[in-house]
Amino acid sequence: MDDTIKTVGDLRNLISDLSDDYVIRFEVRRKVPDEELVLRSYKYPYDCYQFDGIEFDDIGVSDKVLCLGVELENLPKP
């Protein structure tokens, strides 16, 4: 299974069997460059930032785009 969700249909197929009480958590991962990774004591190759929920931004009807997002005021600690 490809884990990339590119369309509303992809998302619908992925979550069709889930009950409505599942919580949405959005995670952003940043690949750590090798030169930065060697300086770290823990060699996990990603910085991960988690957000509880996704904000609805807009529906672009003409170009069929559903815009969802998260707001970053200050980059959270991984």
PDB file of N, CA and C in Angstrom:
ATOM      1  N   MET A   1       0.842  -1.184   0.000  1.00  0.00           N
ATOM      2  CA  MET A   1       0.000   0.000   0.000  1.00  0.00           C
ATOM      3  C   MET A   1       0.880   1.238   0.000  1.00  0.00           C
ATOM      4  N   ASP A   2       0.588   2.188  -0.864  1.00  0.00           N
ATOM      5  CA  ASP A   2       1.278   3.463  -0.892  1.00  0.00           C
ATOM      6  C   ASP A   2       0.675   4.341   0.191  1.00  0.00           C
ATOM      7  N   ASP A   3       1.501   4.896   1.066  1.00  0.00           N
ATOM      8  CA  ASP A   3       1.012   5.695   2.185  1.00  0.00           C
ATOM      9  C   ASP A   3       0.772   7.160   1.827  1.00  0.00           C
ATOM     10  N   THR A   4       1.041   7.539   0.591  1.00  0.00           N
ATOM     11  CA  THR A   4       0.853   8.923   0.188  1.00  0.00           C
ATOM     12  C   THR A   4      -0.609   9.186  -0.140  1.00  0.00           C
ATOM     13  N   ILE A   5      -1.181  10.186   0.529  1.00  0.00           N
ATOM     14  CA  ILE A   5      -2.569  10.576   0.295  1.00  0.00           C
ATOM     15  C   ILE A   5      -2.527  11.819  -0.577  1.00  0.00           C
ATOM     16  N   LYS A   6      -3.042  11.696  -1.808  1.00  0.00           N
ATOM     17  CA  LYS A   6      -3.002  12.816  -2.743  1.00  0.00           C
ATOM     18  C   LYS A   6      -4.380  13.349  -3.108  1.00  0.00           C
ATOM     19  N   THR A   7      -5.409  12.558  -2.877  1.00  0.00           N
ATOM     20  CA  THR A   7      -6.761  12.987  -3.235  1.00  0.00           C
ATOM     21  C   THR A   7      -7.715  12.710  -2.081  1.00  0.00           C
ATOM     22  N   VAL A   8      -8.878  13.349  -2.124  1.00  0.00           N
ATOM     23  CA  VAL A   8      -9.914  13.087  -1.120  1.00  0.00           C
ATOM     24  C   VAL A   8     -10.321  11.616  -1.177  1.00  0.00           C
ATOM     25  N   GLY A   9     -10.344  11.054  -2.383  1.00  0.00           N
ATOM     26  CA  GLY A   9     -10.661   9.628  -2.527  1.00  0.00           C
ATOM     27  C   GLY A   9      -9.651   8.744  -1.813  1.00  0.00           C
ATOM     28  N   ASP A  10      -8.359   9.078  -1.912  1.00  0.00           N
ATOM     29  CA  ASP A  10      -7.329   8.327  -1.182  1.00  0.00           C
ATOM     30  C   ASP A  10      -7.595   8.366   0.313  1.00  0.00           C
ATOM     31  N   LEU A  11      -7.896   9.558   0.820  1.00  0.00           N
ATOM     32  CA  LEU A  11      -8.174   9.716   2.243  1.00  0.00           C
ATOM     33  C   LEU A  11      -9.429   8.949   2.640  1.00  0.00           C
ATOM     34  N   ARG A  12     -10.463   9.060   1.853  1.00  0.00           N
ATOM     35  CA  ARG A  12     -11.729   8.369   2.131  1.00  0.00           C
ATOM     36  C   ARG A  12     -11.517   6.855   2.190  1.00  0.00           C
ATOM     37  N   ASN A  13     -10.759   6.312   1.241  1.00  0.00           N
ATOM     38  CA  ASN A  13     -10.485   4.874   1.240  1.00  0.00           C
ATOM     39  C   ASN A  13      -9.686   4.451   2.467  1.00  0.00           C
ATOM     40  N   LEU A  14      -8.766   5.288   2.878  1.00  0.00           N
ATOM     41  CA  LEU A  14      -7.919   4.951   4.024  1.00  0.00           C
ATOM     42  C   LEU A  14      -8.704   4.932   5.330  1.00  0.00           C
ATOM     43  N   ILE A  15      -9.636   5.866   5.482  1.00  0.00           N
ATOM     44  CA  ILE A  15     -10.335   6.001   6.766  1.00  0.00           C
ATOM     45  C   ILE A  15     -11.768   5.461   6.746  1.00  0.00           C
ATOM     46  N   SER A  16     -12.186   4.836   5.670  1.00  0.00           N
ATOM     47  CA  SER A  16     -13.592   4.426   5.538  1.00  0.00           C
ATOM     48  C   SER A  16     -14.063   3.479   6.638  1.00  0.00           C
ATOM     49  N   ASP A  17     -13.181   2.671   7.182  1.00  0.00           N
ATOM     50  CA  ASP A  17     -13.586   1.708   8.205  1.00  0.00           C
ATOM     51  C   ASP A  17     -13.360   2.199   9.633  1.00  0.00           C
ATOM     52  N   LEU A  18     -12.872   3.414   9.791  1.00  0.00           N
ATOM     53  CA  LEU A  18     -12.612   3.943  11.135  1.00  0.00           C
ATOM     54  C   LEU A  18     -13.877   4.541  11.725  1.00  0.00           C
ATOM     55  N   SER A  19     -14.022   4.408  13.035  1.00  0.00           N
ATOM     56  CA  SER A  19     -15.166   5.030  13.700  1.00  0.00           C
ATOM     57  C   SER A  19     -14.905   6.531  13.849  1.00  0.00           C
ATOM     58  N   ASP A  20     -15.963   7.272  14.109  1.00  0.00           N
ATOM     59  CA  ASP A  20     -15.874   8.727  14.168  1.00  0.00           C
ATOM     60  C   ASP A  20     -15.106   9.256  15.378  1.00  0.00           C
ATOM     61  N   ASP A  21     -14.782   8.410  16.342  1.00  0.00           N
ATOM     62  CA  ASP A  21     -14.109   8.910  17.548  1.00  0.00           C
ATOM     63  C   ASP A  21     -12.573   8.888  17.448  1.00  0.00           C
ATOM     64  N   TYR A  22     -12.023   8.579  16.289  1.00  0.00           N
ATOM     65  CA  TYR A  22     -10.572   8.659  16.106  1.00  0.00           C
ATOM     66  C   TYR A  22     -10.143  10.124  16.125  1.00  0.00           C
ATOM     67  N   VAL A  23      -9.047  10.404  16.816  1.00  0.00           N
ATOM     68  CA  VAL A  23      -8.492  11.750  16.883  1.00  0.00           C
ATOM     69  C   VAL A  23      -7.524  11.941  15.723  1.00  0.00           C
ATOM     70  N   ILE A  24      -7.531  13.132  15.130  1.00  0.00           N
ATOM     71  CA  ILE A  24      -6.599  13.434  14.048  1.00  0.00           C
ATOM     72  C   ILE A  24      -5.353  14.069  14.644  1.00  0.00           C
ATOM     73  N   ARG A  25      -4.216  13.503  14.358  1.00  0.00           N
ATOM     74  CA  ARG A  25      -2.935  14.090  14.741  1.00  0.00           C
ATOM     75  C   ARG A  25      -2.129  14.262  13.465  1.00  0.00           C
ATOM     76  N   PHE A  26      -1.649  15.449  13.255  1.00  0.00           N
ATOM     77  CA  PHE A  26      -0.868  15.770  12.075  1.00  0.00           C
ATOM     78  C   PHE A  26       0.593  15.836  12.477  1.00  0.00           C
ATOM     79  N   GLU A  27       1.447  15.165  11.721  1.00  0.00           N
ATOM     80  CA  GLU A  27       2.872  15.134  12.048  1.00  0.00           C
ATOM     81  C   GLU A  27       3.678  15.640  10.857  1.00  0.00           C
ATOM     82  N   VAL A  28       4.595  16.526  11.140  1.00  0.00           N
ATOM     83  CA  VAL A  28       5.513  17.048  10.127  1.00  0.00           C
ATOM     84  C   VAL A  28       6.899  16.521  10.472  1.00  0.00           C
ATOM     85  N   ARG A  29       7.549  15.935   9.477  1.00  0.00           N
ATOM     86  CA  ARG A  29       8.907  15.418   9.679  1.00  0.00           C
ATOM     87  C   ARG A  29       9.887  16.203   8.812  1.00  0.00           C
ATOM     88  N   ARG A  30      11.027  16.548   9.413  1.00  0.00           N
ATOM     89  CA  ARG A  30      12.099  17.215   8.681  1.00  0.00           C
ATOM     90  C   ARG A  30      13.288  16.278   8.651  1.00  0.00           C
ATOM     91  N   LYS A  31      13.751  15.960   7.443  1.00  0.00           N
ATOM     92  CA  LYS A  31      14.934  15.114   7.285  1.00  0.00           C
ATOM     93  C   LYS A  31      16.143  15.894   7.789  1.00  0.00           C
ATOM     94  N   VAL A  32      16.873  15.297   8.718  1.00  0.00           N
ATOM     95  CA  VAL A  32      18.060  15.936   9.284  1.00  0.00           C
ATOM     96  C   VAL A  32      19.237  15.690   8.347  1.00  0.00           C
ATOM     97  N   PRO A  33      19.921  16.745   7.914  1.00  0.00           N
ATOM     98  CA  PRO A  33      21.085  16.566   7.044  1.00  0.00           C
ATOM     99  C   PRO A  33      22.181  15.750   7.742  1.00  0.00           C
ATOM    100  N   ASP A  34      22.922  14.972   6.967  1.00  0.00           N
ATOM    101  CA  ASP A  34      23.954  14.092   7.525  1.00  0.00           C
ATOM    102  C   ASP A  34      24.951  14.844   8.390  1.00  0.00           C
ATOM    103  N   GLU A  35      25.351  16.041   7.965  1.00  0.00           N
ATOM    104  CA  GLU A  35      26.344  16.796   8.735  1.00  0.00           C
ATOM    105  C   GLU A  35      25.795  17.254  10.088  1.00  0.00           C
ATOM    106  N   GLU A  36      24.498  17.432  10.192  1.00  0.00           N
ATOM    107  CA  GLU A  36      23.866  17.766  11.469  1.00  0.00           C
ATOM    108  C   GLU A  36      23.642  16.505  12.296  1.00  0.00           C
ATOM    109  N   LEU A  37      23.313  15.416  11.634  1.00  0.00           N
ATOM    110  CA  LEU A  37      23.028  14.155  12.322  1.00  0.00           C
ATOM    111  C   LEU A  37      24.244  13.622  13.071  1.00  0.00           C
ATOM    112  N   VAL A  38      25.429  13.766  12.510  1.00  0.00           N
ATOM    113  CA  VAL A  38      26.642  13.244  13.172  1.00  0.00           C
ATOM    114  C   VAL A  38      26.938  13.965  14.484  1.00  0.00           C
ATOM    115  N   LEU A  39      26.405  15.160  14.662  1.00  0.00           N
ATOM    116  CA  LEU A  39      26.627  15.928  15.885  1.00  0.00           C
ATOM    117  C   LEU A  39      25.656  15.562  17.003  1.00  0.00           C
ATOM    118  N   ARG A  40      24.672  14.770  16.678  1.00  0.00           N
ATOM    119  CA  ARG A  40      23.638  14.423  17.662  1.00  0.00           C
ATOM    120  C   ARG A  40      23.980  13.134  18.402  1.00  0.00           C
ATOM    121  N   SER A  41      23.601  13.091  19.660  1.00  0.00           N
ATOM    122  CA  SER A  41      23.837  11.867  20.426  1.00  0.00           C
ATOM    123  C   SER A  41      22.872  10.757  20.012  1.00  0.00           C
ATOM    124  N   TYR A  42      21.641  11.133  19.646  1.00  0.00           N
ATOM    125  CA  TYR A  42      20.648  10.165  19.189  1.00  0.00           C
ATOM    126  C   TYR A  42      20.513  10.332  17.685  1.00  0.00           C
ATOM    127  N   LYS A  43      20.803   9.313  16.933  1.00  0.00           N
ATOM    128  CA  LYS A  43      20.947   9.397  15.479  1.00  0.00           C
ATOM    129  C   LYS A  43      19.655   9.165  14.700  1.00  0.00           C
ATOM    130  N   TYR A  44      18.513   9.611  15.222  1.00  0.00           N
ATOM    131  CA  TYR A  44      17.261   9.489  14.480  1.00  0.00           C
ATOM    132  C   TYR A  44      17.274  10.520  13.354  1.00  0.00           C
ATOM    133  N   PRO A  45      17.054  10.104  12.098  1.00  0.00           N
ATOM    134  CA  PRO A  45      17.271  10.998  10.956  1.00  0.00           C
ATOM    135  C   PRO A  45      16.172  12.021  10.681  1.00  0.00           C
ATOM    136  N   TYR A  46      15.197  12.173  11.585  1.00  0.00           N
ATOM    137  CA  TYR A  46      14.117  13.135  11.376  1.00  0.00           C
ATOM    138  C   TYR A  46      13.866  13.938  12.646  1.00  0.00           C
ATOM    139  N   ASP A  47      13.503  15.202  12.483  1.00  0.00           N
ATOM    140  CA  ASP A  47      12.893  15.982  13.545  1.00  0.00           C
ATOM    141  C   ASP A  47      11.402  15.857  13.319  1.00  0.00           C
ATOM    142  N   CYS A  48      10.651  15.559  14.361  1.00  0.00           N
ATOM    143  CA  CYS A  48       9.206  15.353  14.221  1.00  0.00           C
ATOM    144  C   CYS A  48       8.453  16.391  15.051  1.00  0.00           C
ATOM    145  N   TYR A  49       7.419  16.960  14.449  1.00  0.00           N
ATOM    146  CA  TYR A  49       6.574  17.946  15.098  1.00  0.00           C
ATOM    147  C   TYR A  49       5.138  17.459  14.983  1.00  0.00           C
ATOM    148  N   GLN A  50       4.444  17.377  16.121  1.00  0.00           N
ATOM    149  CA  GLN A  50       3.078  16.865  16.115  1.00  0.00           C
ATOM    150  C   GLN A  50       2.094  17.965  16.459  1.00  0.00           C
ATOM    151  N   PHE A  51       0.942  17.927  15.783  1.00  0.00           N
ATOM    152  CA  PHE A  51      -0.122  18.892  15.987  1.00  0.00           C
ATOM    153  C   PHE A  51      -1.414  18.123  16.169  1.00  0.00           C
ATOM    154  N   ASP A  52      -2.172  18.485  17.184  1.00  0.00           N
ATOM    155  CA  ASP A  52      -3.464  17.840  17.401  1.00  0.00           C
ATOM    156  C   ASP A  52      -4.512  18.572  16.584  1.00  0.00           C
ATOM    157  N   GLY A  53      -4.868  17.978  15.480  1.00  0.00           N
ATOM    158  CA  GLY A  53      -5.876  18.549  14.603  1.00  0.00           C
ATOM    159  C   GLY A  53      -5.273  19.239  13.395  1.00  0.00           C
ATOM    160  N   ILE A  54      -6.092  19.412  12.403  1.00  0.00           N
ATOM    161  CA  ILE A  54      -5.728  20.092  11.166  1.00  0.00           C
ATOM    162  C   ILE A  54      -6.761  21.180  10.951  1.00  0.00           C
ATOM    163  N   GLU A  55      -6.320  22.357  10.553  1.00  0.00           N
ATOM    164  CA  GLU A  55      -7.247  23.455  10.301  1.00  0.00           C
ATOM    165  C   GLU A  55      -7.771  23.376   8.868  1.00  0.00           C
ATOM    166  N   PHE A  56      -9.055  23.660   8.716  1.00  0.00           N
ATOM    167  CA  PHE A  56      -9.645  23.766   7.383  1.00  0.00           C
ATOM    168  C   PHE A  56      -9.363  25.173   6.881  1.00  0.00           C
ATOM    169  N   ASP A  57      -8.759  25.293   5.720  1.00  0.00           N
ATOM    170  CA  ASP A  57      -8.423  26.597   5.173  1.00  0.00           C
ATOM    171  C   ASP A  57      -9.362  27.023   4.054  1.00  0.00           C
ATOM    172  N   ASP A  58      -9.577  26.151   3.078  1.00  0.00           N
ATOM    173  CA  ASP A  58     -10.330  26.582   1.906  1.00  0.00           C
ATOM    174  C   ASP A  58     -10.634  25.382   1.022  1.00  0.00           C
ATOM    175  N   ILE A  59     -11.640  25.528   0.203  1.00  0.00           N
ATOM    176  CA  ILE A  59     -11.892  24.577  -0.877  1.00  0.00           C
ATOM    177  C   ILE A  59     -11.815  25.368  -2.174  1.00  0.00           C
ATOM    178  N   GLY A  60     -10.857  25.013  -3.018  1.00  0.00           N
ATOM    179  CA  GLY A  60     -10.742  25.640  -4.330  1.00  0.00           C
ATOM    180  C   GLY A  60     -11.607  24.870  -5.305  1.00  0.00           C
ATOM    181  N   VAL A  61     -12.851  25.308  -5.470  1.00  0.00           N
ATOM    182  CA  VAL A  61     -13.810  24.583  -6.295  1.00  0.00           C
ATOM    183  C   VAL A  61     -13.352  24.518  -7.751  1.00  0.00           C
ATOM    184  N   SER A  62     -12.850  25.614  -8.290  1.00  0.00           N
ATOM    185  CA  SER A  62     -12.493  25.648  -9.713  1.00  0.00           C
ATOM    186  C   SER A  62     -11.334  24.719 -10.042  1.00  0.00           C
ATOM    187  N   ASP A  63     -10.363  24.611  -9.120  1.00  0.00           N
ATOM    188  CA  ASP A  63      -9.220  23.726  -9.396  1.00  0.00           C
ATOM    189  C   ASP A  63      -9.262  22.441  -8.574  1.00  0.00           C
ATOM    190  N   LYS A  64     -10.391  22.199  -7.886  1.00  0.00           N
ATOM    191  CA  LYS A  64     -10.607  20.980  -7.107  1.00  0.00           C
ATOM    192  C   LYS A  64      -9.488  20.721  -6.106  1.00  0.00           C
ATOM    193  N   VAL A  65      -9.236  21.703  -5.244  1.00  0.00           N
ATOM    194  CA  VAL A  65      -8.196  21.582  -4.223  1.00  0.00           C
ATOM    195  C   VAL A  65      -8.812  21.799  -2.849  1.00  0.00           C
ATOM    196  N   LEU A  66      -8.581  20.866  -1.942  1.00  0.00           N
ATOM    197  CA  LEU A  66      -8.984  20.985  -0.545  1.00  0.00           C
ATOM    198  C   LEU A  66      -7.753  21.412   0.238  1.00  0.00           C
ATOM    199  N   CYS A  67      -7.788  22.576   0.858  1.00  0.00           N
ATOM    200  CA  CYS A  67      -6.626  23.107   1.577  1.00  0.00           C
ATOM    201  C   CYS A  67      -6.790  22.908   3.080  1.00  0.00           C
ATOM    202  N   LEU A  68      -5.896  22.172   3.666  1.00  0.00           N
ATOM    203  CA  LEU A  68      -5.843  21.941   5.105  1.00  0.00           C
ATOM    204  C   LEU A  68      -4.465  22.374   5.580  1.00  0.00           C
ATOM    205  N   GLY A  69      -4.337  22.730   6.840  1.00  0.00           N
ATOM    206  CA  GLY A  69      -3.021  23.153   7.289  1.00  0.00           C
ATOM    207  C   GLY A  69      -2.904  23.196   8.791  1.00  0.00           C
ATOM    208  N   VAL A  70      -1.715  23.562   9.230  1.00  0.00           N
ATOM    209  CA  VAL A  70      -1.419  23.804  10.633  1.00  0.00           C
ATOM    210  C   VAL A  70      -0.716  25.153  10.701  1.00  0.00           C
ATOM    211  N   GLU A  71      -0.827  25.815  11.825  1.00  0.00           N
ATOM    212  CA  GLU A  71      -0.199  27.121  11.982  1.00  0.00           C
ATOM    213  C   GLU A  71       1.017  27.001  12.881  1.00  0.00           C
ATOM    214  N   LEU A  72       2.144  27.500  12.404  1.00  0.00           N
ATOM    215  CA  LEU A  72       3.373  27.513  13.186  1.00  0.00           C
ATOM    216  C   LEU A  72       3.680  28.937  13.604  1.00  0.00           C
ATOM    217  N   GLU A  73       3.579  29.221  14.892  1.00  0.00           N
ATOM    218  CA  GLU A  73       4.012  30.524  15.384  1.00  0.00           C
ATOM    219  C   GLU A  73       5.481  30.446  15.723  1.00  0.00           C
ATOM    220  N   ASN A  74       5.828  29.441  16.475  1.00  0.00           N
ATOM    221  CA  ASN A  74       7.220  29.148  16.805  1.00  0.00           C
ATOM    222  C   ASN A  74       7.412  27.662  16.540  1.00  0.00           C
ATOM    223  N   LEU A  75       8.511  27.323  15.923  1.00  0.00           N
ATOM    224  CA  LEU A  75       8.770  25.927  15.622  1.00  0.00           C
ATOM    225  C   LEU A  75       8.852  25.147  16.927  1.00  0.00           C
ATOM    226  N   PRO A  76       7.998  24.137  17.115  1.00  0.00           N
ATOM    227  CA  PRO A  76       8.027  23.360  18.368  1.00  0.00           C
ATOM    228  C   PRO A  76       9.277  22.518  18.454  1.00  0.00           C
ATOM    229  N   LYS A  77       9.645  22.165  19.660  1.00  0.00           N
ATOM    230  CA  LYS A  77      10.777  21.262  19.868  1.00  0.00           C
ATOM    231  C   LYS A  77      10.375  19.872  19.444  1.00  0.00           C
ATOM    232  N   PRO A  78      11.256  19.158  18.735  1.00  0.00           N
ATOM    233  CA  PRO A  78      10.915  17.785  18.309  1.00  0.00           C
ATOM    234  C   PRO A  78      10.812  16.852  19.504  1.00  0.00           C
TER     235      PRO A  78
END
